Protein backbone atom coordinates (compact mmCIF):
# COMPACT_ATOMS: atom_id res chain seq x y z
CA MET A 1 0.00 0.00 0.00
CA ALA A 2 2.81 2.46 0.88
CA LYS A 3 4.53 1.75 -2.42
CA TYR A 4 1.35 2.58 -4.29
CA ILE A 5 1.04 5.91 -2.50
CA TYR A 6 4.67 6.83 -3.25
CA ALA A 7 4.18 5.99 -6.92
CA LEU A 8 1.08 8.18 -7.04
CA TYR A 9 2.95 11.16 -5.49
CA ALA A 10 5.82 10.75 -7.96
CA SER A 11 3.44 10.74 -10.93
CA LEU A 12 1.71 13.84 -9.61
CA ILE A 13 5.02 15.66 -9.18
CA VAL A 14 6.15 14.71 -12.73
CA THR A 15 2.80 15.89 -14.14
CA MET A 16 3.09 19.24 -12.32
CA LEU A 17 6.65 19.72 -13.60
CA ILE A 18 5.48 19.01 -17.17
CA VAL A 19 2.68 21.55 -16.80
CA VAL A 20 5.05 24.19 -15.38
CA VAL A 21 7.57 23.67 -18.16
CA ALA A 22 4.84 23.90 -20.83
CA SER A 23 3.44 27.06 -19.30
CA ALA A 24 6.84 28.71 -19.16
CA HIS A 25 7.44 27.78 -22.81
CA ASN A 26 4.11 29.33 -23.86
CA ILE A 27 4.83 32.50 -21.92
CA ILE A 28 8.26 32.93 -23.51
CA ALA A 29 6.85 32.31 -26.98
CA GLY A 30 4.08 34.82 -26.37
CA GLN A 31 6.58 37.52 -25.32
CA ARG A 32 8.68 36.91 -28.41
CA SER A 33 5.67 37.14 -30.72
CA GLY A 34 4.54 40.32 -28.96
CA ASN A 35 7.97 41.88 -29.38
CA ASP A 36 8.03 40.91 -33.07
CA THR A 37 4.58 42.38 -33.57
CA LEU A 38 5.56 45.62 -31.81
CA SER A 39 8.75 45.94 -33.82
CA SER A 40 6.85 45.27 -37.04
CA ARG A 41 4.33 47.92 -36.09
CA ARG A 42 7.11 50.37 -35.36
CA THR A 43 8.83 49.77 -38.68
CA ALA A 44 5.61 49.64 -40.63
CA GLN A 45 4.50 53.14 -39.57
CA PRO A 46 5.41 55.68 -42.28
CA VAL A 47 7.72 58.52 -41.29
CA PRO A 48 6.04 61.89 -41.90
CA GLN A 49 7.89 63.98 -44.49
CA PHE A 50 7.75 67.75 -44.80
CA SER A 51 8.64 69.73 -47.94
CA VAL A 52 8.68 73.52 -48.38
CA THR A 53 8.09 74.85 -51.86
CA ARG A 54 8.73 78.39 -53.16
CA SER A 55 5.01 78.96 -53.54
CA ALA A 56 4.42 78.12 -49.87
CA VAL A 57 6.65 80.99 -48.68
CA PRO A 58 4.93 84.39 -48.77
CA GLN A 59 6.62 86.64 -51.30
CA LEU A 60 7.02 90.40 -50.88
CA SER A 61 6.71 92.21 -54.17
CA ILE A 62 7.57 95.88 -54.53
CA VAL A 63 6.04 97.64 -57.47
CA PRO A 64 7.75 101.00 -58.18
CA VAL A 65 5.67 103.93 -59.19
CA LEU A 66 6.62 104.56 -62.78
CA GLY A 67 5.49 107.25 -65.12
CA SER A 68 5.50 107.43 -68.85
CA ASP A 69 8.74 107.74 -70.80
CA TYR A 70 10.08 111.27 -71.07
CA HIS A 71 11.28 112.41 -74.47
CA VAL A 72 13.38 115.55 -74.73
CA VAL A 73 13.43 117.68 -77.85
CA ASP A 74 16.76 119.45 -78.11
CA THR A 75 15.72 122.94 -79.20
CA LEU A 76 16.14 126.49 -78.00
CA THR A 77 12.75 126.39 -76.29
CA LYS A 78 12.22 124.53 -73.04
CA ASP A 79 9.49 121.98 -72.50
CA ASN A 80 6.52 123.17 -70.42
CA ARG A 81 6.68 119.98 -68.35
CA CYS A 82 9.93 121.20 -66.78
CA GLN A 83 8.03 123.91 -64.92
CA SER A 84 6.64 121.30 -62.53
CA PRO A 85 8.16 117.84 -63.10
CA SER A 86 6.23 115.12 -61.29
CA THR A 87 8.51 112.06 -61.62
CA ARG A 88 12.20 111.37 -61.12
CA ALA A 89 12.63 110.67 -64.81
CA GLU A 90 11.16 114.06 -65.66
CA ARG A 91 13.42 115.82 -63.15
CA ARG A 92 16.52 114.15 -64.61
CA ALA A 93 15.41 114.99 -68.13
CA CYS A 94 14.73 118.59 -67.12
CA ARG A 95 18.24 118.95 -65.69
CA ALA A 96 19.70 117.64 -68.95
CA GLU A 97 17.43 119.93 -70.92
CA ALA A 98 18.49 122.95 -68.86
CA PHE A 99 22.13 122.05 -69.49
CA ALA A 100 21.54 121.80 -73.25
CA PHE A 101 19.55 125.03 -73.21
CA HIS A 102 22.46 126.82 -71.50
CA ILE A 103 24.88 125.67 -74.20
CA ASP A 104 22.42 126.73 -76.90
CA SER A 105 22.17 130.15 -75.28
CA LEU A 106 25.95 130.59 -75.17
CA VAL A 107 26.28 129.73 -78.84
CA ALA A 108 23.31 131.90 -79.81
CA THR A 109 24.73 134.95 -78.03
CA ARG A 110 28.19 134.24 -79.47
CA SER A 111 29.72 134.93 -76.08
CA PHE A 112 31.40 131.95 -74.47
CA ALA A 113 34.69 130.55 -73.21
CA PHE A 114 36.48 127.28 -73.86
CA TYR A 115 38.49 125.71 -71.02
CA PRO A 116 40.91 122.96 -72.13
CA THR A 117 41.67 119.87 -70.06
CA THR A 118 43.78 117.88 -72.56
CA MET A 119 45.95 118.78 -75.53
CA GLN A 120 47.41 116.85 -78.45
CA SER A 121 49.42 117.89 -81.47
CA SER A 122 47.89 116.71 -84.72
CA PRO A 123 47.78 114.19 -86.16
CA ARG A 124 49.27 111.67 -83.72
CA GLY A 125 50.95 113.56 -80.93
CA GLU A 126 51.15 112.61 -77.27
CA LEU A 127 47.99 113.24 -75.29
CA ARG A 128 48.77 115.64 -72.45
CA SER A 129 46.65 116.77 -69.50
CA ILE A 130 46.25 120.46 -68.71
CA TYR A 131 46.11 121.15 -64.98
CA ALA A 132 46.69 124.91 -65.11
CA GLN A 133 43.31 126.61 -64.92
CA TYR A 134 44.29 129.87 -66.58
CA TYR A 135 44.30 128.60 -70.19
CA TYR A 136 41.25 129.48 -72.25
CA ILE A 137 39.88 131.15 -75.34
CA PHE A 138 37.23 133.88 -75.13
CA VAL A 139 34.85 134.41 -78.01
CA SER A 140 32.58 137.43 -78.32
CA PRO A 141 31.01 139.47 -81.13
CA VAL A 142 33.71 142.14 -80.76
CA ASP A 143 36.93 140.37 -79.82
CA LEU A 144 38.83 137.11 -79.41
CA GLU A 145 41.27 136.21 -76.64
CA VAL A 146 43.50 133.16 -77.05
CA HIS A 147 45.71 131.72 -74.32
CA LEU A 148 46.56 128.08 -75.00
CA PRO A 149 49.58 125.77 -74.59
CA ILE A 150 50.89 124.42 -77.90
CA GLU A 151 53.50 121.98 -79.18
CA THR A 152 55.83 123.00 -81.99
CA GLY A 153 58.61 121.33 -83.93
CA ILE A 154 59.68 117.73 -84.24
CA THR A 155 60.69 117.66 -80.58
CA GLN A 156 57.15 118.73 -79.58
CA TYR A 157 58.42 121.66 -77.62
CA VAL A 158 55.67 123.07 -75.38
CA SER A 159 55.12 126.80 -75.56
CA MET A 160 52.13 129.19 -75.42
CA LEU A 161 49.84 130.72 -78.00
CA ASN A 162 48.85 134.06 -76.50
CA PHE A 163 47.19 136.88 -78.43
CA ASP A 164 44.13 139.15 -78.55
CA THR A 165 42.39 140.41 -81.65
CA ASP A 166 39.27 142.37 -82.49
CA THR A 167 39.01 140.84 -85.96
CA VAL A 168 37.15 137.54 -86.21
CA ASP A 169 36.35 136.38 -89.73
CA GLU A 170 34.23 133.63 -91.27
CA PHE A 171 32.22 132.94 -88.13
CA HIS A 172 29.68 130.15 -88.76
CA THR A 173 27.53 128.02 -86.45
CA THR A 174 25.58 124.91 -87.43
CA LYS A 175 23.80 122.30 -85.37
CA HIS A 176 23.10 118.67 -86.17
CA LEU A 177 21.00 116.79 -83.62
CA SER A 178 22.83 117.36 -80.30
CA GLN A 179 26.14 118.74 -81.66
CA TRP A 180 27.13 122.30 -82.42
CA VAL A 181 29.84 123.04 -84.98
CA ILE A 182 31.45 126.49 -84.80
CA THR A 183 34.12 127.68 -87.22
CA PHE A 184 35.94 131.01 -87.49
CA SER A 185 39.38 132.44 -88.23
CA ALA A 186 41.56 135.17 -86.79
CA THR A 187 44.61 136.94 -88.21
CA THR A 188 47.52 138.22 -86.14
CA HIS A 189 50.76 139.92 -87.14
CA GLN A 190 52.42 136.48 -87.17
CA ASP A 191 49.96 134.11 -88.83
CA LYS A 192 46.32 133.28 -89.61
CA TYR A 193 44.64 130.78 -87.32
CA TYR A 194 41.60 128.62 -88.08
CA PHE A 195 39.38 127.46 -85.23
CA ASN A 196 36.91 124.57 -85.29
CA ILE A 197 34.79 123.91 -82.18
CA LEU A 198 32.50 120.87 -81.70
CA ILE A 199 30.16 120.93 -78.69
CA SER A 200 27.89 118.14 -77.42
CA THR A 201 24.78 119.42 -75.68
CA ILE A 202 24.31 116.00 -74.03
CA THR A 203 27.72 115.35 -72.46
CA GLY A 204 29.15 118.87 -72.56
CA GLU A 205 32.36 117.61 -74.16
CA THR A 206 33.94 120.29 -76.33
CA GLU A 207 36.63 119.70 -78.93
CA LEU A 208 38.75 122.54 -80.28
CA LEU A 209 40.95 122.30 -83.35
CA VAL A 210 43.49 125.09 -83.98
CA GLN A 211 45.46 125.18 -87.22
CA SER A 212 47.87 127.56 -88.88
CA SER A 213 50.99 127.30 -91.00
CA GLN A 214 53.00 126.52 -87.85
CA VAL A 215 50.50 125.00 -85.42
CA ALA A 216 48.11 122.03 -85.54
CA MET A 217 46.57 121.28 -82.14
CA ARG A 218 43.57 119.41 -80.77
CA TYR A 219 42.07 120.20 -77.37
CA LEU A 220 39.32 118.62 -75.27
CA GLY A 221 37.53 120.56 -72.57
CA THR A 222 34.31 122.32 -71.66
CA ILE A 223 32.41 125.40 -72.71
CA GLY A 224 31.14 127.98 -70.24
CA ASP A 225 30.60 131.63 -69.42
CA ARG A 226 33.34 134.16 -70.07
CA MET A 227 33.21 135.69 -66.62
CA LYS A 228 34.49 132.58 -64.82
CA ILE A 229 38.15 132.94 -65.77
CA ARG A 230 38.06 136.70 -65.50
CA HIS A 231 36.70 136.37 -62.00
CA ILE A 232 39.57 133.98 -61.10
CA GLU A 233 42.13 136.36 -62.54
CA GLU A 234 40.81 139.22 -60.43
């Protein structure tokens, strides 16, 4: 009888151990499957992506206030619009028109001065700068004053052409578009000189050509009022 009881206890203990082992195996398998499912869920979720396009950013546009194109007629009469210009373009054009009108007035009155800034002996001499401010020519209806540096001889020796005369011959003025052409001659006790002046009413650049039997010079400079140099000399 005792042996039968011991055998029964042993079978019960073995059965319990089998059940415990099986339960532990199921638990471990369930944890692994849960972890695999969680990892698959994590990897399966799409990552949100953000993109910014040029159209998505608010753009600031500045529209300038523009007026109509301004056309200047280069004549001796000013445009009425320059009395009260309303746009920047009109103000710039009016300043240029006033500058051209001033040159036209100087030529029309035949009273002006030429102030050289560069000199060159013709036809292919060295271009020289003129820094002295007292060189000029004065033109008026009654007289002509000439005070210019010149180059003479093969060695291009620099000297001065300095004379006054009250006899001005063959004085002619013509204008083509924005350029004045002035020609005249003057005779001294030494020689006869021919003068050719080209003036741009747009840039103000003035070219002077002086020729005689001994001199052939080209000058670049500006045109202005006669009183400027005379005021400096005083």
